[in-house]
Amino acid sequence: MFEAIESGISSSPLPLGEGPGVRGVASPASRKKASAGRRSTGDDPHPGPLPKGEGGRRPRSIGIGFVIVLILSSSAKAQLPSTHSGEVVPRDVREMYDRGLQFLASSQTDKGDWAGGGEQGPGVTGMAVLALLASGEDPNFGLYSNHIRKALRSIINAQDAATGFFGMSMYHHGFATLALAEAYGAVDERDLWPEGKGPRSIGQSLELAVRAAITSQKGNPNNAWRYSPSGKDADTSVSGAVVVGLLAARNAGIEVPDEAIDKAIGYFKSMTSKGGEVAYSGGMGGFGESMARSSIATLAYAVARRKDLAEYKATLAYIKQRIDQPAQFYMEYVRYYEAQALYQGDIEAWEKWNKLTVRQLKESQGPDGSFKGQFGPTISTSLSLLALALNYRFLPIYER
């Protein structure tokens, strides 16, 4: 899944992308207020502090199940969740999720990342952060608040200060960007760094990550991404990780050029067949059965607010027709995207899929709370928990 970075990557800093042309997404009026006073992602390659009074935080708009009550003052400070609504999370889900979080908490290193077999790096740490945030535990005072802060420090420390790249591959970059976007505004940065001293804030790190992704895209003939930020080919798996990170950053109030999103969606359209199959790489000749790729494309279209596209309707229909068919490979990875794609596209289909998945995961969870899979216990546990996280509907990326 996380391939080694391609050879031939330049050691010189990547130029950073421009930031004009930003289109609002969810709650345009509140997003405009949230981003007021923030600098564009262009021009200055080393962004300075956010305007005084913001504290590195921004207001959030949370999805259907849970709502953050915002008090938009002139300083636009984010508030902690204060109103919960929606259906009660099933007991089986809560018990599985709690045991999975306990495993992640117990296996985190003192540096804030995760080791102990399988992949590791900022993207893997980002997956664990998403799982910790997704249950709705208070990220500042809750049971796992220290684990979240340690993990965020690990991610930020892993970022190249000049290029904004989260090293190892663009897979890592995409998932690390997504984690920062979901943490931005929810985690009080006054308590993030010991004695308040760190290389950069969550917001600054997120801005740099966005610029790095856009710069990489501009140098790619396909207007998408591959393993290396300087890669000249692309694939829909890596590109899905990056574009969802960019969309989450835009939802968080970070300026992301419309052009970047439109070009990325154009790439996915070019890789989607009329029957809803999505090619991996190499254009129209690379089609094949893949629930992961069709789910990734469905999610990208949905979060980009392009449900009007024929390609979106085709990929959604493709995955709905195969709800009862278990994935043959990379099961945890498939479930992670399938859950979000079905939730975005058809609630009734997601509910059917969710019941099946809860039963399957209940049978496969280990005594220590972990899930074993092809990627090692940290990734497999994080992705399995995130497949269940739509039951909580807490992360902003889950907005419909």
Protein backbone atom coordinates (compact mmCIF):
# COMPACT_ATOMS: atom_id res chain seq x y z
CA MET A 1 0.00 0.00 0.00
CA PHE A 2 2.60 2.52 1.04
CA GLU A 3 5.20 2.07 -1.66
CA ALA A 4 8.79 3.28 -1.31
CA ILE A 5 9.39 6.71 -2.77
CA GLU A 6 10.43 6.66 -6.39
CA SER A 7 14.04 7.19 -7.25
CA GLY A 8 15.12 10.39 -8.88
CA ILE A 9 13.26 12.78 -6.61
CA SER A 10 14.94 16.15 -6.47
CA SER A 11 16.63 17.01 -3.21
CA SER A 12 16.01 20.72 -3.71
CA PRO A 13 12.94 22.31 -2.13
CA LEU A 14 9.77 22.12 -4.19
CA PRO A 15 8.39 25.53 -5.23
CA LEU A 16 5.12 26.16 -3.48
CA GLY A 17 1.84 26.53 -5.33
CA GLU A 18 -0.36 29.56 -5.84
CA GLY A 19 -3.64 29.97 -4.03
CA PRO A 20 -6.15 32.13 -5.96
CA GLY A 21 -9.58 30.89 -6.96
CA VAL A 22 -11.08 29.23 -3.93
CA ARG A 23 -14.57 27.80 -4.02
CA GLY A 24 -16.55 27.37 -0.79
CA VAL A 25 -18.03 24.01 0.12
CA ALA A 26 -20.09 23.18 3.19
CA SER A 27 -21.71 26.19 4.87
CA PRO A 28 -20.14 28.85 2.61
CA ALA A 29 -21.04 31.75 4.86
CA SER A 30 -19.47 30.23 7.96
CA ARG A 31 -16.44 29.06 5.96
CA LYS A 32 -15.92 32.62 4.76
CA LYS A 33 -15.94 33.85 8.34
CA ALA A 34 -13.72 30.98 9.45
CA SER A 35 -11.04 31.78 6.89
CA ALA A 36 -11.27 35.55 7.20
CA GLY A 37 -7.87 37.05 7.78
CA ARG A 38 -6.01 33.89 6.77
CA ARG A 39 -3.27 34.22 4.23
CA SER A 40 -3.60 32.50 0.84
CA THR A 41 -1.56 29.36 0.24
CA GLY A 42 0.56 31.22 -2.28
CA ASP A 43 3.43 33.72 -2.35
CA ASP A 44 5.23 33.28 0.98
CA PRO A 45 7.02 29.90 1.08
CA HIS A 46 7.33 30.05 4.85
CA PRO A 47 3.99 31.16 6.29
CA GLY A 48 4.20 33.11 9.51
CA PRO A 49 1.90 32.82 12.50
CA LEU A 50 -1.84 33.01 12.07
CA PRO A 51 -3.41 36.36 12.99
CA LYS A 52 -3.47 37.09 16.69
CA GLY A 53 -6.50 35.88 18.52
CA GLU A 54 -7.09 32.80 16.36
CA GLY A 55 -4.80 30.56 18.38
CA GLY A 56 -4.26 28.31 15.38
CA ARG A 57 -7.87 27.13 15.51
CA ARG A 58 -10.92 27.50 13.33
CA PRO A 59 -14.62 26.83 13.77
CA ARG A 60 -15.93 23.49 12.63
CA SER A 61 -19.07 22.30 10.95
CA ILE A 62 -19.75 18.71 11.99
CA GLY A 63 -21.99 16.31 10.09
CA ILE A 64 -25.41 14.79 10.69
CA GLY A 65 -24.88 12.83 13.87
CA PHE A 66 -22.98 15.32 16.00
CA VAL A 67 -23.01 19.11 15.88
CA ILE A 68 -20.50 21.61 17.18
CA VAL A 69 -22.21 24.77 18.33
CA LEU A 70 -20.15 27.63 17.00
CA ILE A 71 -19.97 31.06 18.53
CA LEU A 72 -18.46 33.17 15.76
CA SER A 73 -16.75 36.08 17.39
CA SER A 74 -14.28 38.47 15.81
CA SER A 75 -11.49 36.08 16.80
CA ALA A 76 -13.35 33.09 15.26
CA LYS A 77 -12.39 30.69 18.03
CA ALA A 78 -13.49 27.07 17.74
CA GLN A 79 -15.73 25.68 20.43
CA LEU A 80 -15.77 22.21 21.91
CA PRO A 81 -18.62 19.86 20.98
CA SER A 82 -21.60 20.73 23.13
CA THR A 83 -24.65 19.23 21.39
CA HIS A 84 -24.97 15.62 20.32
CA SER A 85 -27.92 14.33 18.35
CA GLY A 86 -28.89 11.38 16.19
CA GLU A 87 -29.32 7.68 16.70
CA VAL A 88 -27.60 5.84 19.53
CA VAL A 89 -24.43 4.05 18.41
CA PRO A 90 -24.99 0.25 18.58
CA ARG A 91 -23.44 -1.43 21.61
CA ASP A 92 -21.39 -3.85 19.48
CA VAL A 93 -19.83 -0.92 17.65
CA ARG A 94 -19.05 0.97 20.85
CA GLU A 95 -17.44 -2.06 22.48
CA MET A 96 -15.35 -2.89 19.41
CA TYR A 97 -14.32 0.71 18.95
CA ASP A 98 -13.33 1.16 22.59
CA ARG A 99 -11.20 -1.98 22.53
CA GLY A 100 -9.55 -0.88 19.29
CA LEU A 101 -8.72 2.54 20.73
CA GLN A 102 -7.25 0.91 23.81
CA PHE A 103 -4.97 -1.13 21.56
CA LEU A 104 -3.84 1.95 19.65
CA ALA A 105 -3.24 3.87 22.87
CA SER A 106 -1.21 1.05 24.41
CA SER A 107 0.94 0.51 21.30
CA GLN A 108 1.85 4.15 20.65
CA THR A 109 5.55 4.93 21.11
CA ASP A 110 6.95 7.69 23.31
CA LYS A 111 7.68 9.64 20.10
CA GLY A 112 4.00 9.65 19.24
CA ASP A 113 4.08 7.29 16.26
CA TRP A 114 3.30 3.57 15.99
CA ALA A 115 5.77 0.73 15.42
CA GLY A 116 5.53 -2.95 16.27
CA GLY A 117 5.24 -4.48 12.82
CA GLY A 118 3.95 -3.35 9.47
CA GLU A 119 4.18 0.09 7.94
CA GLN A 120 4.96 3.18 9.97
CA GLY A 121 5.39 6.85 9.22
CA PRO A 122 3.33 10.08 9.21
CA GLY A 123 0.51 8.58 7.13
CA VAL A 124 0.12 5.63 9.48
CA THR A 125 0.18 7.99 12.44
CA GLY A 126 -2.45 10.07 10.66
CA MET A 127 -4.75 7.05 10.34
CA ALA A 128 -4.48 6.41 14.07
CA VAL A 129 -5.23 10.09 14.83
CA LEU A 130 -8.36 9.89 12.66
CA ALA A 131 -9.50 6.79 14.54
CA LEU A 132 -8.90 8.50 17.89
CA LEU A 133 -10.80 11.62 16.83
CA ALA A 134 -13.68 9.82 15.13
CA SER A 135 -15.39 8.45 18.25
CA GLY A 136 -16.09 11.93 19.60
CA GLU A 137 -13.84 11.65 22.67
CA ASP A 138 -12.88 15.17 23.73
CA PRO A 139 -9.49 15.70 22.02
CA ASN A 140 -8.37 18.22 24.63
CA PHE A 141 -9.48 16.70 27.94
CA GLY A 142 -10.69 13.21 27.06
CA LEU A 143 -9.20 9.79 27.69
CA TYR A 144 -6.96 9.92 24.60
CA SER A 145 -6.12 13.62 24.50
CA ASN A 146 -2.44 13.04 25.34
CA HIS A 147 -2.17 10.33 22.68
CA ILE A 148 -3.68 12.68 20.08
CA ARG A 149 -1.30 15.51 20.96
CA LYS A 150 1.74 13.20 20.85
CA ALA A 151 0.67 11.86 17.47
CA LEU A 152 0.10 15.32 16.02
CA ARG A 153 3.53 16.42 17.21
CA SER A 154 5.00 13.35 15.51
CA ILE A 155 3.27 14.18 12.22
CA ILE A 156 4.37 17.82 12.26
CA ASN A 157 7.93 16.89 13.16
CA ALA A 158 8.01 14.50 10.19
CA GLN A 159 7.18 17.29 7.74
CA ASP A 160 9.90 18.86 5.59
CA ALA A 161 9.87 22.51 6.64
CA ALA A 162 10.97 23.70 3.20
CA THR A 163 8.76 21.60 0.90
CA GLY A 164 5.85 20.76 3.18
CA PHE A 165 6.14 17.10 2.17
CA PHE A 166 5.41 14.34 4.67
CA GLY A 167 8.16 11.99 3.62
CA MET A 168 8.10 8.40 2.42
CA SER A 169 5.36 8.71 -0.22
CA MET A 170 2.33 10.72 -1.30
CA TYR A 171 0.20 8.07 0.42
CA HIS A 172 1.69 9.20 3.71
CA HIS A 173 1.29 12.81 2.65
CA GLY A 174 -2.40 12.39 1.89
CA PHE A 175 -3.33 10.65 5.14
CA ALA A 176 -1.19 12.99 7.24
CA THR A 177 -2.87 15.98 5.57
CA LEU A 178 -6.32 14.52 6.27
CA ALA A 179 -5.47 13.96 9.94
CA LEU A 180 -4.25 17.53 10.37
CA ALA A 181 -7.37 18.89 8.65
CA GLU A 182 -9.67 16.95 10.98
CA ALA A 183 -7.66 17.97 14.05
CA TYR A 184 -7.47 21.64 13.03
CA GLY A 185 -9.94 23.56 15.16
CA ALA A 186 -10.76 20.61 17.40
CA VAL A 187 -7.40 20.39 19.18
CA ASP A 188 -6.44 23.35 21.34
CA GLU A 189 -2.95 24.25 20.19
CA ARG A 190 -2.09 26.02 23.41
CA ASP A 191 -1.54 22.56 24.87
CA LEU A 192 -0.03 20.92 21.79
CA TRP A 193 3.66 21.67 22.35
CA PRO A 194 5.50 21.50 25.67
CA GLU A 195 6.01 25.05 26.91
CA GLY A 196 4.30 26.24 23.72
CA LYS A 197 7.43 25.69 21.64
CA GLY A 198 7.10 23.75 18.39
CA PRO A 199 8.25 24.04 14.77
CA ARG A 200 4.82 25.14 13.53
CA SER A 201 1.13 25.06 14.37
CA ILE A 202 -1.39 22.59 12.99
CA GLY A 203 -2.71 25.30 10.69
CA GLN A 204 0.73 26.23 9.38
CA SER A 205 1.62 22.58 8.85
CA LEU A 206 -1.65 22.04 7.00
CA GLU A 207 -1.04 25.04 4.75
CA LEU A 208 2.41 23.72 3.89
CA ALA A 209 0.99 20.27 3.17
CA VAL A 210 -1.60 21.74 0.80
CA ARG A 211 1.08 23.69 -1.06
CA ALA A 212 3.24 20.61 -1.42
CA ALA A 213 0.35 18.61 -2.88
CA ILE A 214 -0.57 21.37 -5.33
CA THR A 215 3.05 21.77 -6.41
CA SER A 216 3.32 18.05 -7.02
CA GLN A 217 0.11 18.10 -9.07
CA LYS A 218 1.32 21.00 -11.21
CA GLY A 219 4.40 19.03 -12.21
CA ASN A 220 2.37 15.94 -13.10
CA PRO A 221 1.10 15.62 -16.70
CA ASN A 222 -1.95 13.73 -15.42
CA ASN A 223 -2.93 16.49 -12.94
CA ALA A 224 -2.85 13.86 -10.21
CA TRP A 225 -0.33 12.05 -7.99
CA ARG A 226 1.93 9.04 -7.77
CA TYR A 227 4.19 7.80 -4.94
CA SER A 228 6.83 10.49 -5.37
CA PRO A 229 5.94 14.20 -5.26
CA SER A 230 8.01 14.59 -8.44
CA GLY A 231 6.41 11.59 -10.19
CA LYS A 232 5.27 12.01 -13.79
CA ASP A 233 2.68 9.22 -13.82
CA ALA A 234 -0.34 8.81 -11.54
CA ASP A 235 -2.70 6.28 -10.04
CA THR A 236 -6.17 6.50 -8.56
CA SER A 237 -5.23 5.00 -5.20
CA VAL A 238 -2.53 7.51 -4.30
CA SER A 239 -4.53 10.33 -5.91
CA GLY A 240 -7.54 9.44 -3.79
CA ALA A 241 -5.55 9.78 -0.58
CA VAL A 242 -4.22 13.18 -1.63
CA VAL A 243 -7.41 14.68 -3.03
CA VAL A 244 -9.46 13.71 0.05
CA GLY A 245 -6.78 15.38 2.19
CA LEU A 246 -7.07 18.53 0.07
CA LEU A 247 -10.86 18.53 0.26
CA ALA A 248 -10.72 18.13 4.05
CA ALA A 249 -8.26 21.03 4.25
CA ARG A 250 -10.61 23.17 2.15
CA ASN A 251 -13.53 22.25 4.42
CA ALA A 252 -11.32 23.30 7.34
CA GLY A 253 -10.92 26.82 5.98
CA ILE A 254 -7.52 26.41 4.30
CA GLU A 255 -7.44 27.94 0.84
CA VAL A 256 -7.23 25.32 -1.88
CA PRO A 257 -7.44 26.54 -5.50
CA ASP A 258 -10.54 25.46 -7.42
CA GLU A 259 -8.28 24.57 -10.31
CA ALA A 260 -6.47 21.92 -8.28
CA ILE A 261 -9.70 20.17 -7.28
CA ASP A 262 -11.23 20.47 -10.75
CA LYS A 263 -8.15 18.96 -12.38
CA ALA A 264 -8.05 16.11 -9.88
CA ILE A 265 -11.72 15.35 -10.50
CA GLY A 266 -11.02 15.52 -14.23
CA TYR A 267 -8.35 12.85 -13.75
CA PHE A 268 -10.80 10.57 -11.93
CA LYS A 269 -13.39 11.11 -14.67
CA SER A 270 -10.83 10.03 -17.27
CA MET A 271 -10.21 6.84 -15.28
CA THR A 272 -13.89 5.92 -14.81
CA SER A 273 -15.78 3.67 -17.22
CA LYS A 274 -19.49 3.91 -18.02
CA GLY A 275 -20.01 0.77 -15.96
CA GLY A 276 -18.43 2.31 -12.86
CA GLU A 277 -15.09 0.47 -12.98
CA VAL A 278 -12.13 2.69 -12.20
CA ALA A 279 -8.70 2.11 -13.69
CA TYR A 280 -5.62 2.02 -11.47
CA SER A 281 -3.04 3.63 -13.73
CA GLY A 282 -2.36 4.00 -17.43
CA GLY A 283 -5.73 5.34 -18.55
CA MET A 284 -8.58 3.53 -20.25
CA GLY A 285 -6.63 0.31 -20.75
CA GLY A 286 -6.31 -0.35 -17.03
CA PHE A 287 -9.90 -1.12 -16.04
CA GLY A 288 -10.66 -4.08 -13.85
CA GLU A 289 -12.79 -5.16 -10.91
CA SER A 290 -11.85 -3.12 -7.87
CA MET A 291 -14.18 -2.12 -5.06
CA ALA A 292 -11.41 -0.01 -3.58
CA ARG A 293 -10.88 2.12 -6.68
CA SER A 294 -14.59 2.56 -7.41
CA SER A 295 -15.18 3.50 -3.75
CA ILE A 296 -12.28 5.98 -3.81
CA ALA A 297 -13.66 7.66 -6.93
CA THR A 298 -17.19 7.77 -5.47
CA LEU A 299 -15.89 9.44 -2.32
CA ALA A 300 -13.78 11.94 -4.26
CA TYR A 301 -16.72 12.97 -6.45
CA ALA A 302 -19.04 13.23 -3.43
CA VAL A 303 -16.79 15.27 -1.15
CA ALA A 304 -15.93 17.56 -4.08
CA ARG A 305 -19.69 18.19 -4.41
CA ARG A 306 -19.84 16.64 -7.88
CA LYS A 307 -22.70 14.21 -7.41
CA ASP A 308 -24.12 15.60 -10.65
CA LEU A 309 -21.51 13.73 -12.68
CA ALA A 310 -22.45 10.64 -14.68
CA GLU A 311 -19.18 9.10 -13.44
CA TYR A 312 -20.27 9.51 -9.83
CA LYS A 313 -23.60 7.81 -10.49
CA ALA A 314 -21.81 4.98 -12.29
CA THR A 315 -19.28 4.29 -9.52
CA LEU A 316 -21.94 4.51 -6.81
CA ALA A 317 -24.13 2.03 -8.68
CA TYR A 318 -21.13 -0.27 -9.13
CA ILE A 319 -20.35 -0.50 -5.41
CA LYS A 320 -24.02 -0.73 -4.37
CA GLN A 321 -24.45 -3.78 -6.60
CA ARG A 322 -21.56 -5.52 -4.81
CA ILE A 323 -22.31 -4.82 -1.15
CA ASP A 324 -22.57 -8.54 -0.38
CA GLN A 325 -19.28 -9.39 -2.08
CA PRO A 326 -16.30 -9.38 0.32
CA ALA A 327 -13.05 -7.92 -0.93
CA GLN A 328 -10.44 -10.44 -2.01
CA PHE A 329 -7.44 -8.22 -1.28
CA TYR A 330 -6.64 -5.31 1.05
CA MET A 331 -9.92 -5.82 2.92
CA GLU A 332 -9.29 -3.12 5.55
CA TYR A 333 -8.40 -0.58 2.88
CA VAL A 334 -11.52 -1.43 0.85
CA ARG A 335 -13.80 -1.15 3.90
CA TYR A 336 -12.34 2.22 4.84
CA TYR A 337 -13.34 3.78 1.51
CA GLU A 338 -16.48 1.71 0.95
CA ALA A 339 -17.99 2.90 4.23
CA GLN A 340 -17.59 6.56 3.34
CA ALA A 341 -18.61 6.15 -0.30
CA LEU A 342 -21.85 4.35 0.57
CA TYR A 343 -22.63 6.78 3.39
CA GLN A 344 -22.18 9.73 1.04
CA GLY A 345 -24.20 8.12 -1.72
CA ASP A 346 -27.04 6.05 -0.25
CA ILE A 347 -27.85 5.82 3.47
CA GLU A 348 -29.98 2.70 3.09
CA ALA A 349 -27.18 0.92 1.22
CA TRP A 350 -24.70 2.00 3.89
CA GLU A 351 -26.98 0.68 6.66
CA LYS A 352 -27.16 -2.71 4.97
CA TRP A 353 -23.39 -2.76 4.45
CA ASN A 354 -22.77 -1.58 8.00
CA LYS A 355 -24.72 -4.43 9.57
CA LEU A 356 -22.70 -6.96 7.58
CA THR A 357 -19.42 -5.25 8.40
CA VAL A 358 -20.13 -5.00 12.14
CA ARG A 359 -20.70 -8.77 12.25
CA GLN A 360 -17.54 -9.49 10.26
CA LEU A 361 -15.35 -7.21 12.36
CA LYS A 362 -16.77 -8.52 15.63
CA GLU A 363 -15.63 -11.99 14.61
CA SER A 364 -12.14 -10.87 13.56
CA GLN A 365 -11.11 -8.51 16.38
CA GLY A 366 -8.31 -9.92 18.51
CA PRO A 367 -8.31 -10.29 22.32
CA ASP A 368 -6.06 -7.21 22.58
CA GLY A 369 -8.50 -5.10 20.55
CA SER A 370 -6.42 -5.13 17.37
CA PHE A 371 -7.33 -6.26 13.88
CA LYS A 372 -4.82 -8.30 11.91
CA GLY A 373 -4.41 -7.69 8.22
CA GLN A 374 -2.01 -7.29 5.33
CA PHE A 375 -0.66 -3.95 6.51
CA GLY A 376 0.22 -4.78 10.11
CA PRO A 377 -1.79 -4.17 13.29
CA THR A 378 -1.69 -0.36 13.38
CA ILE A 379 -3.01 0.23 9.88
CA SER A 380 -5.42 -2.70 10.00
CA THR A 381 -6.83 -1.58 13.36
CA SER A 382 -7.06 2.08 12.40
CA LEU A 383 -8.77 1.39 9.07
CA SER A 384 -11.14 -1.16 10.63
CA LEU A 385 -12.17 1.35 13.28
CA LEU A 386 -12.64 4.03 10.65
CA ALA A 387 -14.91 1.66 8.71
CA LEU A 388 -17.08 1.67 11.86
CA ALA A 389 -16.71 5.40 12.54
CA LEU A 390 -19.64 6.40 10.35
CA ASN A 391 -21.80 5.09 13.18
CA TYR A 392 -20.51 8.06 15.21
CA ARG A 393 -20.54 10.55 12.30
CA PHE A 394 -18.27 12.92 14.13
CA LEU A 395 -15.47 13.82 11.70
CA PRO A 396 -16.16 16.82 9.44
CA ILE A 397 -15.09 14.79 6.36
CA TYR A 398 -18.28 12.73 6.92
CA GLU A 399 -20.54 15.70 6.15
CA ARG A 400 -23.08 14.91 3.45
